[in-house]
All heavy atoms as atom14 arrays in JSON, in Angstrom:
{
  "sequence": "QSVNASQQIEDPESILNFYKAVLKMRKEYRDI",
  "atom14_mask": [
    [1, 1, 1, 1, 1, 1, 1, 1, 1, 0, 0, 0, 0, 0],
    [1, 1, 1, 1, 1, 1, 0, 0, 0, 0, 0, 0, 0, 0],
    [1, 1, 1, 1, 1, 1, 1, 0, 0, 0, 0, 0, 0, 0],
    [1, 1, 1, 1, 1, 1, 1, 1, 0, 0, 0, 0, 0, 0],
    [1, 1, 1, 1, 1, 0, 0, 0, 0, 0, 0, 0, 0, 0],
    [1, 1, 1, 1, 1, 1, 0, 0, 0, 0, 0, 0, 0, 0],
    [1, 1, 1, 1, 1, 1, 1, 1, 1, 0, 0, 0, 0, 0],
    [1, 1, 1, 1, 1, 1, 1, 1, 1, 0, 0, 0, 0, 0],
    [1, 1, 1, 1, 1, 1, 1, 1, 0, 0, 0, 0, 0, 0],
    [1, 1, 1, 1, 1, 1, 1, 1, 1, 0, 0, 0, 0, 0],
    [1, 1, 1, 1, 1, 1, 1, 1, 0, 0, 0, 0, 0, 0],
    [1, 1, 1, 1, 1, 1, 1, 0, 0, 0, 0, 0, 0, 0],
    [1, 1, 1, 1, 1, 1, 1, 1, 1, 0, 0, 0, 0, 0],
    [1, 1, 1, 1, 1, 1, 0, 0, 0, 0, 0, 0, 0, 0],
    [1, 1, 1, 1, 1, 1, 1, 1, 0, 0, 0, 0, 0, 0],
    [1, 1, 1, 1, 1, 1, 1, 1, 0, 0, 0, 0, 0, 0],
    [1, 1, 1, 1, 1, 1, 1, 1, 0, 0, 0, 0, 0, 0],
    [1, 1, 1, 1, 1, 1, 1, 1, 1, 1, 1, 0, 0, 0],
    [1, 1, 1, 1, 1, 1, 1, 1, 1, 1, 1, 1, 0, 0],
    [1, 1, 1, 1, 1, 1, 1, 1, 1, 0, 0, 0, 0, 0],
    [1, 1, 1, 1, 1, 0, 0, 0, 0, 0, 0, 0, 0, 0],
    [1, 1, 1, 1, 1, 1, 1, 0, 0, 0, 0, 0, 0, 0],
    [1, 1, 1, 1, 1, 1, 1, 1, 0, 0, 0, 0, 0, 0],
    [1, 1, 1, 1, 1, 1, 1, 1, 1, 0, 0, 0, 0, 0],
    [1, 1, 1, 1, 1, 1, 1, 1, 0, 0, 0, 0, 0, 0],
    [1, 1, 1, 1, 1, 1, 1, 1, 1, 1, 1, 0, 0, 0],
    [1, 1, 1, 1, 1, 1, 1, 1, 1, 0, 0, 0, 0, 0],
    [1, 1, 1, 1, 1, 1, 1, 1, 1, 0, 0, 0, 0, 0],
    [1, 1, 1, 1, 1, 1, 1, 1, 1, 1, 1, 1, 0, 0],
    [1, 1, 1, 1, 1, 1, 1, 1, 1, 1, 1, 0, 0, 0],
    [1, 1, 1, 1, 1, 1, 1, 1, 0, 0, 0, 0, 0, 0],
    [1, 1, 1, 1, 1, 1, 1, 1, 0, 0, 0, 0, 0, 0]
  ],
  "atom14_positions": [
    [[126.48, 89.37, 147.63], [126.56, 89.51, 146.17], [126.02, 88.28, 145.44], [125.6, 88.38, 144.29], [128.0, 89.81, 145.76], [128.48, 91.19, 146.15], [129.85, 91.54, 145.62], [130.72, 90.69, 145.57], [130.02, 92.74, 145.2], [0.0, 0.0, 0.0], [0.0, 0.0, 0.0], [0.0, 0.0, 0.0], [0.0, 0.0, 0.0], [0.0, 0.0, 0.0]],
    [[126.01, 87.13, 146.13], [125.48, 85.92, 145.51], [124.12, 85.54, 146.07], [123.44, 84.68, 145.47], [126.46, 84.77, 145.69], [126.7, 84.5, 147.07], [0.0, 0.0, 0.0], [0.0, 0.0, 0.0], [0.0, 0.0, 0.0], [0.0, 0.0, 0.0], [0.0, 0.0, 0.0], [0.0, 0.0, 0.0], [0.0, 0.0, 0.0], [0.0, 0.0, 0.0]],
    [[123.73, 86.08, 147.2], [122.43, 85.79, 147.79], [121.7, 87.14, 147.99], [121.97, 87.87, 148.93], [122.54, 85.05, 149.15], [121.19, 84.81, 149.75], [123.31, 83.76, 148.97], [0.0, 0.0, 0.0], [0.0, 0.0, 0.0], [0.0, 0.0, 0.0], [0.0, 0.0, 0.0], [0.0, 0.0, 0.0], [0.0, 0.0, 0.0], [0.0, 0.0, 0.0]],
    [[120.81, 87.46, 147.09], [120.03, 88.7, 147.21], [118.75, 88.59, 146.43], [118.61, 87.81, 145.5], [120.86, 89.9, 146.81], [121.31, 89.86, 145.35], [120.48, 90.06, 144.44], [122.59, 89.6, 145.09], [0.0, 0.0, 0.0], [0.0, 0.0, 0.0], [0.0, 0.0, 0.0], [0.0, 0.0, 0.0], [0.0, 0.0, 0.0], [0.0, 0.0, 0.0]],
    [[117.8, 89.44, 146.79], [116.46, 89.39, 146.19], [116.47, 89.74, 144.7], [115.77, 89.14, 143.9], [115.53, 90.29, 146.95], [0.0, 0.0, 0.0], [0.0, 0.0, 0.0], [0.0, 0.0, 0.0], [0.0, 0.0, 0.0], [0.0, 0.0, 0.0], [0.0, 0.0, 0.0], [0.0, 0.0, 0.0], [0.0, 0.0, 0.0], [0.0, 0.0, 0.0]],
    [[117.26, 90.75, 144.33], [117.27, 91.21, 142.95], [117.69, 90.07, 142.01], [117.07, 89.87, 140.98], [118.23, 92.42, 142.8], [118.28, 92.83, 141.48], [0.0, 0.0, 0.0], [0.0, 0.0, 0.0], [0.0, 0.0, 0.0], [0.0, 0.0, 0.0], [0.0, 0.0, 0.0], [0.0, 0.0, 0.0], [0.0, 0.0, 0.0], [0.0, 0.0, 0.0]],
    [[118.75, 89.39, 142.38], [119.21, 88.27, 141.55], [118.17, 87.15, 141.49], [117.93, 86.55, 140.41], [120.55, 87.75, 142.1], [121.14, 86.55, 141.38], [120.67, 85.22, 141.96], [120.43, 85.11, 143.16], [120.57, 84.22, 141.1], [0.0, 0.0, 0.0], [0.0, 0.0, 0.0], [0.0, 0.0, 0.0], [0.0, 0.0, 0.0], [0.0, 0.0, 0.0]],
    [[117.53, 86.88, 142.62], [116.6, 85.78, 142.66], [115.28, 86.06, 141.93], [114.64, 85.15, 141.42], [116.35, 85.37, 144.11], [117.56, 84.72, 144.76], [117.27, 84.03, 146.06], [116.16, 83.54, 146.28], [118.23, 83.99, 146.94], [0.0, 0.0, 0.0], [0.0, 0.0, 0.0], [0.0, 0.0, 0.0], [0.0, 0.0, 0.0], [0.0, 0.0, 0.0]],
    [[114.91, 87.32, 141.89], [113.67, 87.65, 141.14], [113.81, 87.26, 139.68], [112.83, 86.77, 139.06], [113.42, 89.19, 141.26], [112.92, 89.52, 142.69], [112.35, 89.63, 140.24], [112.83, 91.01, 142.99], [0.0, 0.0, 0.0], [0.0, 0.0, 0.0], [0.0, 0.0, 0.0], [0.0, 0.0, 0.0], [0.0, 0.0, 0.0], [0.0, 0.0, 0.0]],
    [[115.01, 87.4, 139.15], [115.25, 87.09, 137.74], [115.56, 85.64, 137.46], [115.59, 85.23, 136.29], [116.42, 87.97, 137.22], [116.22, 89.47, 137.41], [115.0, 89.95, 136.64], [114.7, 89.42, 135.55], [114.32, 90.86, 137.16], [0.0, 0.0, 0.0], [0.0, 0.0, 0.0], [0.0, 0.0, 0.0], [0.0, 0.0, 0.0], [0.0, 0.0, 0.0]],
    [[115.81, 84.87, 138.5], [116.21, 83.46, 138.35], [115.01, 82.55, 138.61], [114.56, 82.42, 139.72], [117.33, 83.15, 139.33], [117.78, 81.68, 139.26], [117.28, 80.93, 138.37], [118.62, 81.26, 140.1], [0.0, 0.0, 0.0], [0.0, 0.0, 0.0], [0.0, 0.0, 0.0], [0.0, 0.0, 0.0], [0.0, 0.0, 0.0], [0.0, 0.0, 0.0]],
    [[114.46, 81.91, 137.57], [113.29, 81.06, 137.79], [113.54, 79.87, 138.7], [112.58, 79.32, 139.26], [112.94, 80.56, 136.35], [114.21, 80.74, 135.58], [114.92, 81.92, 136.19], [0.0, 0.0, 0.0], [0.0, 0.0, 0.0], [0.0, 0.0, 0.0], [0.0, 0.0, 0.0], [0.0, 0.0, 0.0], [0.0, 0.0, 0.0], [0.0, 0.0, 0.0]],
    [[114.8, 79.49, 138.92], [115.1, 78.35, 139.8], [115.5, 78.81, 141.22], [116.01, 78.01, 141.99], [116.25, 77.53, 139.17], [115.93, 76.98, 137.8], [114.73, 76.07, 137.81], [114.59, 75.28, 138.78], [113.91, 76.16, 136.89], [0.0, 0.0, 0.0], [0.0, 0.0, 0.0], [0.0, 0.0, 0.0], [0.0, 0.0, 0.0], [0.0, 0.0, 0.0]],
    [[115.26, 80.04, 141.55], [115.73, 80.59, 142.85], [114.86, 80.13, 143.99], [113.71, 79.69, 143.81], [115.75, 82.1, 142.8], [114.42, 82.63, 142.71], [0.0, 0.0, 0.0], [0.0, 0.0, 0.0], [0.0, 0.0, 0.0], [0.0, 0.0, 0.0], [0.0, 0.0, 0.0], [0.0, 0.0, 0.0], [0.0, 0.0, 0.0], [0.0, 0.0, 0.0]],
    [[115.36, 80.27, 145.19], [114.56, 79.99, 146.39], [113.38, 80.93, 146.46], [112.26, 80.52, 146.78], [115.46, 80.13, 147.66], [116.54, 79.05, 147.69], [114.6, 80.03, 148.94], [117.5, 79.15, 148.83], [0.0, 0.0, 0.0], [0.0, 0.0, 0.0], [0.0, 0.0, 0.0], [0.0, 0.0, 0.0], [0.0, 0.0, 0.0], [0.0, 0.0, 0.0]],
    [[113.58, 82.21, 146.13], [112.5, 83.16, 146.14], [111.34, 82.74, 145.26], [110.18, 82.74, 145.66], [113.0, 84.55, 145.76], [111.94, 85.64, 145.62], [111.23, 85.91, 146.9], [112.61, 86.93, 145.09], [0.0, 0.0, 0.0], [0.0, 0.0, 0.0], [0.0, 0.0, 0.0], [0.0, 0.0, 0.0], [0.0, 0.0, 0.0], [0.0, 0.0, 0.0]],
    [[111.65, 82.36, 144.0], [110.57, 81.96, 143.11], [109.94, 80.65, 143.51], [108.76, 80.38, 143.23], [111.07, 81.96, 141.69], [111.13, 83.35, 141.07], [110.16, 84.1, 141.18], [112.27, 83.72, 140.47], [0.0, 0.0, 0.0], [0.0, 0.0, 0.0], [0.0, 0.0, 0.0], [0.0, 0.0, 0.0], [0.0, 0.0, 0.0], [0.0, 0.0, 0.0]],
    [[110.72, 79.8, 144.19], [110.12, 78.56, 144.71], [109.13, 78.89, 145.85], [108.08, 78.27, 145.92], [111.21, 77.62, 145.19], [110.69, 76.24, 145.5], [110.44, 75.34, 144.49], [110.45, 75.84, 146.81], [109.94, 74.05, 144.73], [109.95, 74.58, 147.09], [109.72, 73.69, 146.06], [0.0, 0.0, 0.0], [0.0, 0.0, 0.0], [0.0, 0.0, 0.0]],
    [[109.51, 79.84, 146.71], [108.52, 80.22, 147.74], [107.25, 80.75, 147.11], [106.16, 80.46, 147.57], [109.15, 81.33, 148.64], [109.74, 80.81, 149.93], [111.07, 80.5, 150.05], [108.91, 80.54, 151.05], [111.63, 79.97, 151.22], [109.45, 80.05, 152.23], [110.81, 79.78, 152.29], [111.34, 79.25, 153.45], [0.0, 0.0, 0.0], [0.0, 0.0, 0.0]],
    [[107.35, 81.56, 146.08], [106.13, 82.04, 145.42], [105.28, 80.9, 144.92], [104.03, 80.91, 145.07], [106.53, 82.98, 144.25], [107.16, 84.28, 144.69], [107.51, 85.15, 143.46], [108.16, 86.45, 143.88], [108.5, 87.32, 142.7], [0.0, 0.0, 0.0], [0.0, 0.0, 0.0], [0.0, 0.0, 0.0], [0.0, 0.0, 0.0], [0.0, 0.0, 0.0]],
    [[105.93, 79.87, 144.37], [105.19, 78.75, 143.84], [104.52, 77.93, 144.92], [103.36, 77.55, 144.8], [106.17, 77.84, 143.02], [0.0, 0.0, 0.0], [0.0, 0.0, 0.0], [0.0, 0.0, 0.0], [0.0, 0.0, 0.0], [0.0, 0.0, 0.0], [0.0, 0.0, 0.0], [0.0, 0.0, 0.0], [0.0, 0.0, 0.0], [0.0, 0.0, 0.0]],
    [[105.25, 77.69, 146.04], [104.63, 76.84, 147.08], [103.54, 77.61, 147.84], [102.56, 76.99, 148.31], [105.7, 76.27, 148.05], [106.63, 75.32, 147.33], [106.48, 77.35, 148.77], [0.0, 0.0, 0.0], [0.0, 0.0, 0.0], [0.0, 0.0, 0.0], [0.0, 0.0, 0.0], [0.0, 0.0, 0.0], [0.0, 0.0, 0.0], [0.0, 0.0, 0.0]],
    [[103.7, 78.92, 147.96], [102.63, 79.66, 148.63], [101.35, 79.68, 147.76], [100.22, 79.59, 148.27], [103.08, 81.12, 148.9], [104.2, 81.25, 149.93], [104.55, 82.73, 150.14], [103.81, 80.61, 151.27], [0.0, 0.0, 0.0], [0.0, 0.0, 0.0], [0.0, 0.0, 0.0], [0.0, 0.0, 0.0], [0.0, 0.0, 0.0], [0.0, 0.0, 0.0]],
    [[101.52, 79.71, 146.46], [100.37, 79.63, 145.54], [99.76, 78.25, 145.63], [98.51, 78.09, 145.68], [100.82, 79.94, 144.13], [99.67, 79.92, 143.11], [100.22, 80.26, 141.72], [99.08, 80.23, 140.7], [99.58, 80.55, 139.31], [0.0, 0.0, 0.0], [0.0, 0.0, 0.0], [0.0, 0.0, 0.0], [0.0, 0.0, 0.0], [0.0, 0.0, 0.0]],
    [[100.58, 77.23, 145.66], [100.07, 75.84, 145.79], [99.34, 75.64, 147.09], [98.29, 75.0, 147.16], [101.27, 74.87, 145.72], [100.92, 73.4, 145.97], [102.34, 72.37, 146.38], [102.67, 72.92, 148.09], [0.0, 0.0, 0.0], [0.0, 0.0, 0.0], [0.0, 0.0, 0.0], [0.0, 0.0, 0.0], [0.0, 0.0, 0.0], [0.0, 0.0, 0.0]],
    [[99.87, 76.21, 148.18], [99.26, 76.08, 149.48], [97.83, 76.59, 149.5], [96.94, 75.96, 150.09], [100.11, 76.87, 150.5], [99.57, 76.9, 151.9], [100.55, 77.66, 152.82], [99.99, 77.85, 154.14], [99.99, 76.98, 155.12], [100.5, 75.78, 154.89], [99.46, 77.26, 156.29], [0.0, 0.0, 0.0], [0.0, 0.0, 0.0], [0.0, 0.0, 0.0]],
    [[97.58, 77.7, 148.82], [96.23, 78.24, 148.8], [95.34, 77.49, 147.81], [94.12, 77.31, 148.05], [96.26, 79.71, 148.48], [96.82, 80.52, 149.67], [96.76, 82.01, 149.45], [97.26, 82.73, 150.7], [97.32, 84.18, 150.53], [0.0, 0.0, 0.0], [0.0, 0.0, 0.0], [0.0, 0.0, 0.0], [0.0, 0.0, 0.0], [0.0, 0.0, 0.0]],
    [[95.91, 77.07, 146.7], [95.1, 76.31, 145.73], [94.59, 75.01, 146.34], [93.44, 74.61, 146.07], [95.93, 76.03, 144.47], [95.11, 75.35, 143.37], [95.95, 75.17, 142.11], [97.08, 75.67, 142.05], [95.42, 74.54, 141.17], [0.0, 0.0, 0.0], [0.0, 0.0, 0.0], [0.0, 0.0, 0.0], [0.0, 0.0, 0.0], [0.0, 0.0, 0.0]],
    [[95.4, 74.37, 147.15], [95.02, 73.13, 147.82], [94.9, 73.37, 149.32], [95.37, 72.58, 150.13], [96.04, 72.03, 147.53], [96.17, 71.72, 146.06], [97.16, 72.33, 145.27], [95.28, 70.84, 145.42], [97.27, 72.03, 143.91], [95.38, 70.58, 144.07], [96.38, 71.17, 143.33], [96.48, 70.87, 141.97], [0.0, 0.0, 0.0], [0.0, 0.0, 0.0]],
    [[94.23, 74.42, 149.68], [94.14, 74.85, 151.08], [93.47, 73.76, 151.94], [93.74, 73.66, 153.11], [93.38, 76.14, 151.2], [91.98, 76.14, 150.53], [91.22, 77.43, 150.84], [91.88, 78.67, 150.4], [91.83, 79.15, 149.18], [91.12, 78.54, 148.23], [92.46, 80.25, 148.89], [0.0, 0.0, 0.0], [0.0, 0.0, 0.0], [0.0, 0.0, 0.0]],
    [[92.55, 73.0, 151.35], [91.84, 71.99, 152.12], [92.8, 70.92, 152.64], [92.58, 70.29, 153.68], [90.75, 71.34, 151.27], [91.26, 70.71, 149.99], [91.92, 71.44, 149.21], [91.02, 69.5, 149.78], [0.0, 0.0, 0.0], [0.0, 0.0, 0.0], [0.0, 0.0, 0.0], [0.0, 0.0, 0.0], [0.0, 0.0, 0.0], [0.0, 0.0, 0.0]],
    [[93.91, 70.7, 151.91], [94.9, 69.72, 152.3], [95.99, 70.34, 153.14], [96.32, 69.84, 154.24], [95.52, 69.01, 151.06], [94.52, 68.08, 150.4], [96.75, 68.23, 151.44], [95.06, 67.28, 149.24], [0.0, 0.0, 0.0], [0.0, 0.0, 0.0], [0.0, 0.0, 0.0], [0.0, 0.0, 0.0], [0.0, 0.0, 0.0], [0.0, 0.0, 0.0]]
  ]
}
């Protein structure tokens, strides 16, 4: 009830949204 995808999709500070950010960063700076 406190750890689930639905809740994290709506929470900008969630682990899920952080994964989305770092995966985007990884490709933007793929050379590094």
